[in-house]
Amino acid sequence: MTRKRPAPRTGIEGLLNGASALAEAPSATLPVTDLRPTAFQPRRHFDEASLTELADSIRKNGVLQPLLARPSDNGYEIVAGERRWRAAQQAGLTEVPVHIRDLTDEQAVRAALLENLHREDLNQYEEAAATLRLVALTLGVDEDVARARMYAAARGTNTEDREVLEDLFAAASLGSWQSFTTNKLRILRYPDAIVTAMQGGLHYSIAAVIAAAPDIHQAELLAMAQGGAGYREVKARRAALEARATPLKVDPARVTEVGKRISSVKWLGTLDNKAQKDLQAWLNRMPDSVRKAMNLPD
């Protein structure tokens, strides 16, 4: 499922470091064979039905918004507009209108991310991935570090990034960064089957219910949702499944002893440097079920 985006604010231009200004840029008409997709395309999934619909529109009205491309060794690299390029070929067009700009790699990535984030048909996984990548570019870090810093900012333990996130999300008309951090970042860690279902139209609120269920129940809940069940039905079924008694496959006495031991500050103080590192490495491999029970971030 996708949703409409508000029109971007003028402050969005600053995010491109001068890479935009497309309203004033002249467009050219290029053969579709001169254009190539880019490696940093934010869109991972091109829905065939949606492409066919766009191709039908292009047959009637042409390509209404030019693509954005930059010169490359083998013609031109599409920075924004790969979906229009695909649909134009499906519609039988041999040429398309294109804005040609000399962009650095970073400018091209920003332009592609922002253009796609304001498309109505971007699915929610792609939206989350593109937003995180834009945050990472803005902070000058990789995506794993950006994710950790967003969680820290949301918890209030990292206040220096809050203003940057506020400005970025406001300038790009992306809504609330706190809401995104709380509700959307987790999508990027969902199992592949749930991600695929989201790309096929599964709403993220239902996906969140399924992803939070034990692994053993996810396939049933996913099939139920894909069969037409709504949020409340899926949530109720999950509650019913989790209410069933599950035979213990762990030794309760051993778990209790481990808990007592690692919660002892006195015992921890007896560990040498290597032992402490080994213990921390073991904690970092904590099972997802334990992490969720302790309300720890992914």
Protein backbone atom coordinates (compact mmCIF):
# COMPACT_ATOMS: atom_id res chain seq x y z
CA MET A 1 0.00 0.00 0.00
CA THR A 2 1.23 3.49 -0.79
CA ARG A 3 0.20 6.93 0.25
CA LYS A 4 0.28 10.41 -1.21
CA ARG A 5 3.07 12.79 -0.32
CA PRO A 6 2.70 16.52 0.29
CA ALA A 7 4.42 18.91 -2.11
CA PRO A 8 8.07 19.42 -1.10
CA ARG A 9 8.99 22.69 0.57
CA THR A 10 11.44 25.12 -1.04
CA GLY A 11 14.02 24.18 1.58
CA ILE A 12 14.43 20.87 -0.19
CA GLU A 13 16.77 22.54 -2.69
CA GLY A 14 19.46 22.91 -0.05
CA LEU A 15 19.44 19.17 0.53
CA LEU A 16 20.57 18.60 -3.04
CA ASN A 17 23.65 20.78 -2.67
CA GLY A 18 22.71 22.58 -5.88
CA ALA A 19 21.76 19.43 -7.78
CA SER A 20 18.12 20.32 -8.38
CA ALA A 21 16.72 23.59 -9.81
CA LEU A 22 14.94 21.38 -12.34
CA ALA A 23 12.17 23.88 -12.95
CA GLU A 24 14.67 26.15 -14.70
CA ALA A 25 16.66 23.37 -16.37
CA PRO A 26 16.05 22.93 -20.10
CA SER A 27 15.01 19.46 -21.21
CA ALA A 28 16.17 17.45 -24.20
CA THR A 29 14.60 14.55 -26.04
CA LEU A 30 16.75 11.43 -25.98
CA PRO A 31 16.33 7.94 -27.44
CA VAL A 32 15.32 5.46 -24.75
CA THR A 33 18.28 3.31 -25.82
CA ASP A 34 20.70 6.07 -24.74
CA LEU A 35 19.51 5.83 -21.13
CA ARG A 36 20.63 3.34 -18.49
CA PRO A 37 19.28 2.69 -14.96
CA THR A 38 21.44 3.78 -12.06
CA ALA A 39 22.92 1.45 -9.47
CA PHE A 40 21.56 3.56 -6.60
CA GLN A 41 17.89 3.43 -7.61
CA PRO A 42 15.87 3.64 -4.36
CA ARG A 43 12.99 1.67 -5.89
CA ARG A 44 13.54 -2.08 -5.54
CA HIS A 45 10.22 -3.28 -6.90
CA PHE A 46 8.38 -2.27 -10.08
CA ASP A 47 4.78 -3.44 -9.91
CA GLU A 48 3.76 -4.78 -13.32
CA ALA A 49 0.11 -3.70 -13.03
CA SER A 50 1.16 -0.19 -12.05
CA LEU A 51 3.67 -0.03 -14.92
CA THR A 52 0.97 -1.11 -17.38
CA GLU A 53 -1.34 1.59 -16.07
CA LEU A 54 1.37 4.21 -16.45
CA ALA A 55 2.18 2.94 -19.95
CA ASP A 56 -1.48 3.36 -20.94
CA SER A 57 -1.40 6.93 -19.64
CA ILE A 58 1.81 7.65 -21.56
CA ARG A 59 0.25 6.35 -24.78
CA LYS A 60 -2.54 8.90 -24.38
CA ASN A 61 -0.68 11.85 -22.88
CA GLY A 62 3.03 11.26 -23.37
CA VAL A 63 5.66 11.57 -20.61
CA LEU A 64 4.42 14.60 -18.69
CA GLN A 65 7.43 15.00 -16.40
CA PRO A 66 10.94 14.73 -17.86
CA LEU A 67 13.38 12.22 -16.45
CA LEU A 68 16.54 13.40 -14.69
CA ALA A 69 19.79 11.99 -16.07
CA ARG A 70 23.50 12.68 -16.01
CA PRO A 71 26.13 11.96 -18.67
CA SER A 72 27.92 8.63 -18.37
CA ASP A 73 30.45 6.66 -20.38
CA ASN A 74 27.73 4.75 -22.25
CA GLY A 75 25.19 7.49 -22.85
CA TYR A 76 23.18 8.79 -19.90
CA GLU A 77 22.49 7.41 -16.43
CA ILE A 78 18.93 7.81 -15.11
CA VAL A 79 19.02 9.61 -11.77
CA ALA A 80 15.24 9.88 -11.38
CA GLY A 81 12.48 8.49 -13.57
CA GLU A 82 13.39 4.85 -14.23
CA ARG A 83 9.73 3.85 -13.82
CA ARG A 84 8.68 6.40 -16.47
CA TRP A 85 11.48 5.12 -18.73
CA ARG A 86 10.28 1.53 -18.37
CA ALA A 87 6.65 2.48 -18.96
CA ALA A 88 7.55 4.61 -21.97
CA GLN A 89 9.22 1.61 -23.60
CA GLN A 90 6.20 -0.53 -22.77
CA ALA A 91 4.04 2.13 -24.42
CA GLY A 92 6.15 1.90 -27.59
CA LEU A 93 7.94 5.25 -27.29
CA THR A 94 11.42 5.50 -28.75
CA GLU A 95 12.25 8.89 -27.19
CA VAL A 96 11.58 10.57 -23.84
CA PRO A 97 12.08 14.09 -22.43
CA VAL A 98 15.06 14.35 -20.10
CA HIS A 99 16.65 16.98 -17.86
CA ILE A 100 20.41 16.48 -18.24
CA ARG A 101 22.55 17.61 -15.32
CA ASP A 102 26.20 17.14 -14.36
CA LEU A 103 25.84 15.69 -10.86
CA THR A 104 28.31 14.24 -8.43
CA ASP A 105 27.53 10.80 -7.02
CA GLU A 106 26.26 12.31 -3.76
CA GLN A 107 24.08 14.87 -5.56
CA ALA A 108 22.68 12.13 -7.79
CA VAL A 109 21.85 9.89 -4.84
CA ARG A 110 20.13 12.75 -3.00
CA ALA A 111 18.15 13.71 -6.10
CA ALA A 112 17.06 10.11 -6.67
CA LEU A 113 16.04 9.63 -3.04
CA LEU A 114 14.06 12.87 -2.82
CA GLU A 115 12.35 12.39 -6.16
CA ASN A 116 11.25 8.89 -5.25
CA LEU A 117 10.16 9.83 -1.72
CA HIS A 118 7.61 12.18 -3.24
CA ARG A 119 6.15 9.57 -5.56
CA GLU A 120 2.74 8.17 -4.62
CA ASP A 121 3.55 4.58 -5.58
CA LEU A 122 6.67 4.00 -3.49
CA ASN A 123 5.96 1.06 -1.20
CA GLN A 124 6.60 1.38 2.51
CA TYR A 125 9.76 -0.73 2.63
CA GLU A 126 11.30 1.35 -0.15
CA GLU A 127 10.13 4.52 1.60
CA ALA A 128 11.81 3.47 4.86
CA ALA A 129 15.02 2.43 3.09
CA ALA A 130 15.21 5.65 1.06
CA THR A 131 14.53 7.81 4.12
CA LEU A 132 17.23 6.08 6.16
CA ARG A 133 19.70 6.46 3.32
CA LEU A 134 18.89 10.18 3.07
CA VAL A 135 19.45 10.52 6.82
CA ALA A 136 22.77 8.67 6.52
CA LEU A 137 23.92 11.00 3.74
CA THR A 138 22.91 14.04 5.76
CA LEU A 139 24.74 12.83 8.89
CA GLY A 140 27.73 11.65 6.85
CA VAL A 141 27.65 8.11 8.24
CA ASP A 142 26.64 4.65 7.03
CA GLU A 143 23.08 3.42 7.40
CA ASP A 144 23.68 1.22 10.46
CA VAL A 145 25.20 4.14 12.34
CA ALA A 146 22.40 6.45 11.15
CA ARG A 147 19.79 3.99 12.46
CA ALA A 148 21.51 3.82 15.85
CA ARG A 149 21.75 7.61 16.07
CA MET A 150 18.07 8.03 15.21
CA TYR A 151 17.10 5.61 17.98
CA ALA A 152 19.38 7.45 20.39
CA ALA A 153 17.86 10.80 19.40
CA ALA A 154 14.36 9.40 19.89
CA ARG A 155 15.31 8.14 23.38
CA GLY A 156 16.76 11.55 24.24
CA THR A 157 20.29 10.24 24.74
CA ASN A 158 21.57 11.96 21.59
CA THR A 159 20.29 15.53 21.46
CA GLU A 160 22.82 16.91 18.96
CA ASP A 161 21.18 15.10 16.01
CA ARG A 162 17.63 16.15 16.84
CA GLU A 163 17.84 19.57 15.16
CA VAL A 164 19.43 18.06 12.06
CA LEU A 165 16.65 15.48 11.82
CA GLU A 166 13.97 18.11 12.41
CA ASP A 167 15.37 20.29 9.60
CA LEU A 168 15.81 17.38 7.19
CA PHE A 169 12.34 15.93 7.63
CA ALA A 170 10.70 19.38 7.48
CA ALA A 171 12.63 20.47 4.39
CA ALA A 172 11.86 17.21 2.58
CA SER A 173 8.22 17.13 3.78
CA LEU A 174 8.71 13.67 5.27
CA GLY A 175 6.55 14.19 8.35
CA SER A 176 7.80 13.54 11.87
CA TRP A 177 11.24 11.99 12.29
CA GLN A 178 10.19 10.68 15.73
CA SER A 179 7.21 8.85 14.21
CA PHE A 180 9.41 7.46 11.44
CA THR A 181 11.99 6.24 13.96
CA THR A 182 9.38 4.62 16.18
CA ASN A 183 7.15 3.09 13.51
CA LYS A 184 9.02 2.73 10.23
CA LEU A 185 12.70 1.96 10.86
CA ARG A 186 11.87 -1.53 12.11
CA ILE A 187 10.47 -2.38 8.65
CA LEU A 188 14.03 -2.70 7.34
CA ARG A 189 14.66 -5.64 9.71
CA TYR A 190 11.49 -7.57 8.82
CA PRO A 191 11.82 -11.12 7.43
CA ASP A 192 12.02 -11.39 3.63
CA ALA A 193 8.54 -12.93 3.32
CA ILE A 194 6.95 -9.96 5.08
CA VAL A 195 8.95 -7.46 3.01
CA THR A 196 7.84 -9.20 -0.19
CA ALA A 197 4.23 -9.04 0.97
CA MET A 198 4.59 -5.31 1.69
CA GLN A 199 5.94 -4.79 -1.81
CA GLY A 200 2.80 -6.51 -3.00
CA GLY A 201 0.57 -4.12 -1.06
CA LEU A 202 0.42 -5.40 2.54
CA HIS A 203 -0.07 -2.40 4.85
CA TYR A 204 2.76 -1.78 7.27
CA SER A 205 0.44 -1.78 10.31
CA ILE A 206 -0.53 -5.38 9.55
CA ALA A 207 3.07 -6.24 8.69
CA ALA A 208 4.11 -4.90 12.10
CA VAL A 209 1.67 -7.24 13.87
CA ILE A 210 3.01 -10.23 11.94
CA ALA A 211 6.68 -9.31 12.37
CA ALA A 212 6.23 -9.04 16.15
CA ALA A 213 4.78 -12.55 16.36
CA PRO A 214 6.98 -15.59 17.10
CA ASP A 215 8.60 -16.98 13.95
CA ILE A 216 6.53 -20.16 14.15
CA HIS A 217 3.29 -18.20 13.67
CA GLN A 218 4.35 -15.70 11.02
CA ALA A 219 3.59 -17.84 7.96
CA GLU A 220 0.02 -18.50 9.11
CA LEU A 221 -0.62 -14.84 9.93
CA LEU A 222 0.88 -13.71 6.63
CA ALA A 223 -1.29 -16.12 4.65
CA MET A 224 -4.31 -14.87 6.59
CA ALA A 225 -3.51 -11.23 5.76
CA GLN A 226 -2.87 -12.00 2.11
CA GLY A 227 -6.23 -13.75 2.05
CA GLY A 228 -7.95 -10.48 2.90
CA ALA A 229 -7.97 -10.38 6.72
CA GLY A 230 -7.74 -6.92 8.23
CA TYR A 231 -5.61 -5.51 11.02
CA ARG A 232 -7.97 -6.46 13.86
CA GLU A 233 -8.47 -10.00 12.59
CA VAL A 234 -4.75 -10.62 12.23
CA LYS A 235 -4.03 -9.12 15.64
CA ALA A 236 -6.75 -11.24 17.28
CA ARG A 237 -5.43 -14.40 15.63
CA ARG A 238 -1.91 -13.62 16.79
CA ALA A 239 -3.16 -13.19 20.36
CA ALA A 240 -4.97 -16.52 20.16
CA LEU A 241 -1.88 -18.31 18.84
CA GLU A 242 0.38 -16.82 21.48
CA ALA A 243 -2.07 -17.76 24.23
CA ARG A 244 -1.54 -21.44 23.53
CA ALA A 245 0.70 -23.27 25.98
CA THR A 246 4.12 -23.89 24.44
CA PRO A 247 6.26 -26.75 25.79
CA LEU A 248 9.47 -25.41 27.30
CA LYS A 249 12.54 -26.21 25.22
CA VAL A 250 14.95 -24.49 27.61
CA ASP A 251 16.11 -25.41 31.10
CA PRO A 252 14.40 -22.93 33.50
CA ALA A 253 16.90 -23.59 36.29
CA ARG A 254 19.82 -22.86 33.99
CA VAL A 255 18.19 -19.66 32.68
CA THR A 256 17.56 -18.51 36.25
CA GLU A 257 21.16 -19.18 37.24
CA VAL A 258 22.48 -17.28 34.21
CA GLY A 259 20.23 -14.34 35.08
CA LYS A 260 21.45 -14.27 38.67
CA ARG A 261 25.09 -14.53 37.68
CA ILE A 262 25.21 -11.79 35.02
CA SER A 263 23.12 -9.46 37.18
CA SER A 264 25.72 -9.64 39.95
CA VAL A 265 27.92 -6.53 39.86
CA LYS A 266 30.30 -8.23 42.28
CA TRP A 267 30.75 -11.20 39.93
CA LEU A 268 31.20 -8.93 36.94
CA GLY A 269 34.01 -7.19 38.79
CA THR A 270 35.93 -10.47 39.00
CA LEU A 271 36.13 -10.82 35.19
CA ASP A 272 39.33 -9.90 33.39
CA ASN A 273 39.34 -7.80 30.23
CA LYS A 274 39.02 -10.75 27.84
CA ALA A 275 36.19 -12.32 29.84
CA GLN A 276 34.29 -9.03 29.83
CA LYS A 277 34.70 -8.71 26.06
CA ASP A 278 33.52 -12.29 25.59
CA LEU A 279 30.47 -11.61 27.77
CA GLN A 280 29.63 -8.43 25.82
CA ALA A 281 29.96 -10.32 22.51
CA TRP A 282 27.57 -12.96 23.87
CA LEU A 283 25.07 -10.27 24.89
CA ASN A 284 25.30 -8.71 21.43
CA ARG A 285 24.11 -12.05 20.00
CA MET A 286 21.03 -11.94 22.21
CA PRO A 287 18.04 -13.74 20.60
CA ASP A 288 15.36 -11.47 19.13
CA SER A 289 12.76 -12.88 21.55
CA VAL A 290 14.84 -11.77 24.55
CA ARG A 291 15.61 -8.41 22.95
CA LYS A 292 11.90 -7.75 22.36
CA ALA A 293 11.01 -8.82 25.92
CA MET A 294 13.53 -6.28 27.26
CA ASN A 295 12.29 -3.54 24.86
CA LEU A 296 15.76 -3.14 23.36
CA PRO A 297 16.14 -1.52 19.89
CA ASP A 298 17.05 -3.67 16.90
